[in-house]
Protein backbone atom coordinates (compact mmCIF):
# COMPACT_ATOMS: atom_id res chain seq x y z
CA MET A 1 -30.57 63.36 -111.51
CA MET A 2 -28.17 65.39 -109.48
CA PRO A 3 -28.72 69.08 -109.28
CA ASN A 4 -26.33 71.35 -111.15
CA SER A 5 -23.60 72.29 -108.67
CA LYS A 6 -20.77 74.47 -109.71
CA ILE A 7 -17.54 74.25 -107.84
CA THR A 8 -15.89 77.63 -107.60
CA ALA A 9 -12.25 78.23 -108.11
CA GLY A 10 -11.80 79.05 -104.43
CA GLU A 11 -13.29 75.73 -103.44
CA LYS A 12 -10.95 73.94 -105.85
CA MET A 13 -7.99 75.78 -104.38
CA ALA A 14 -9.03 74.89 -100.81
CA VAL A 15 -9.33 71.16 -101.81
CA MET A 16 -5.89 71.22 -103.50
CA ALA A 17 -4.32 72.98 -100.53
CA ASN A 18 -5.82 70.37 -98.23
CA ASP A 19 -4.50 67.63 -100.53
CA ILE A 20 -1.00 69.09 -100.62
CA THR A 21 -0.94 69.38 -96.78
CA TYR A 22 -1.93 65.72 -96.56
CA ILE A 23 0.71 64.65 -99.06
CA LYS A 24 3.45 66.64 -97.17
CA LYS A 25 2.42 64.94 -93.94
CA GLU A 26 2.60 61.48 -95.51
CA VAL A 27 6.00 62.19 -97.07
CA THR A 28 7.32 63.31 -93.70
CA GLU A 29 6.02 60.06 -92.12
CA ILE A 30 7.66 57.99 -94.87
CA ASN A 31 10.99 59.79 -94.42
CA GLN A 32 10.87 59.13 -90.69
CA LYS A 33 10.24 55.44 -91.22
CA LEU A 34 13.09 55.24 -93.75
CA SER A 35 15.59 56.86 -91.37
CA HIS A 36 14.56 55.07 -88.18
CA GLU A 37 12.93 51.73 -88.92
CA TYR A 38 14.77 50.31 -91.97
CA VAL A 39 18.30 49.10 -92.46
CA THR A 40 20.53 50.61 -95.08
CA LYS A 41 22.43 48.49 -97.66
CA ILE A 42 25.72 49.28 -95.97
CA GLU A 43 24.42 48.13 -92.55
CA PHE A 44 22.92 44.92 -94.08
CA GLU A 45 26.00 43.87 -96.12
CA PRO A 46 27.91 42.05 -93.28
CA LEU A 47 24.77 40.10 -92.27
CA LYS A 48 24.15 39.14 -95.91
CA LYS A 49 27.69 37.71 -96.19
CA ILE A 50 27.32 35.71 -93.04
CA VAL A 51 24.00 34.23 -94.07
CA TYR A 52 25.25 33.42 -97.62
CA GLY A 53 28.32 31.79 -96.08
CA LEU A 54 26.17 29.65 -93.77
CA ILE A 55 23.97 28.58 -96.64
CA ALA A 56 27.01 27.67 -98.78
CA LEU A 57 28.38 25.62 -95.85
CA ILE A 58 25.14 23.75 -95.41
CA LEU A 59 24.77 23.06 -99.15
CA THR A 60 28.36 21.81 -99.31
CA ALA A 61 27.66 19.43 -96.46
CA VAL A 62 24.51 18.15 -98.10
CA VAL A 63 26.18 17.58 -101.47
CA SER A 64 29.21 15.96 -99.79
CA GLY A 65 26.90 13.61 -97.89
CA MET A 66 25.04 12.68 -101.05
CA LEU A 67 28.36 12.01 -102.88
CA ALA A 68 29.59 9.94 -100.00
CA VAL A 69 26.42 7.77 -100.15
CA VAL A 70 26.79 7.30 -103.91
CA ILE A 71 30.48 6.58 -103.78
CA ILE A 72 30.25 4.07 -100.90
CA ARG A 73 27.58 2.01 -102.69
């Protein structure tokens, strides 16, 4: 069995203060990553349109080729 150990209110406060400091540090790191390493929706929108356009063009070519093979036979 473990011996009876009572944690005082001061110790609890110290642990909570340490946890809050750690959480604040982590939130600061996350905010820095969001502002420097990731792309916003506004910045990504033109790229998204280009990629979707290229995919549509490729799919149109494939479907047209398949239809040409079926119609020619």
